[in-house]
Amino acid sequence: MSIYMMRHGKTAANEKKYYATPTEPLLPVDPSVALKLKDEVAALSVTSVVTSPYLRAKETAAILWDRGPVAEEPLIREVNLGVLEGRTFYDAYDLYGEALAPWIDDPFNYGPPQGESLREAYKRAQAFLRIAKDDTLYISHDGFMRLVLSAVKGDVHSFFDYKLENFQIIEIK
């Protein structure tokens, strides 16, 4: 069995280095890139696409999938970064300072204020792996996909071992 996941396309947050919100849109995608993505997805022989509920994931699906409806799966949303969302780290630190310290010191067990820890999101990744189907492409996010790879490895602490590019497709066997 193989599970396919794709990281959404590029956003202003990716370019300008701030933490995206759920409503962060994609930047414009060159039509030749869109055509290449459609071909890559067609080569996977998947029969359906499922996205995170975040706008950038849905917009990515609209670019590369025209063979049927697209479903949403809340489990594959990005790690919730709470008060950091929509801000750079430095802006958030200016506003929240020491309230961020537990998360900075131990992101596995503490989330930023109003956010979730990596261990909490890792549990979602484990739950996702129990329901994932091998004939489906899941469009998700860098942080969550790294947690899925960590869950396959069986170690949440491997989270920082991975780096995923926008539009990158991974196969999990």
Foldseek 3Di string as FASTA:
>chain_A
DKAKEAEFAAFVCVVVVAAADLATAHDDDDLVVLVVLLVVVVVLQADAEEEASRRRLVVRCVSRDDNDDYHYDPLQEAFFQPPRHPHHPVVSCVVQPPQCVVCVVAQQCDHRVVTHRLVVNLVSLVVCVVVGDSRYYYYHHLQSVLSVVCVLVPHSVCSVVDDDDHGDMDMDD
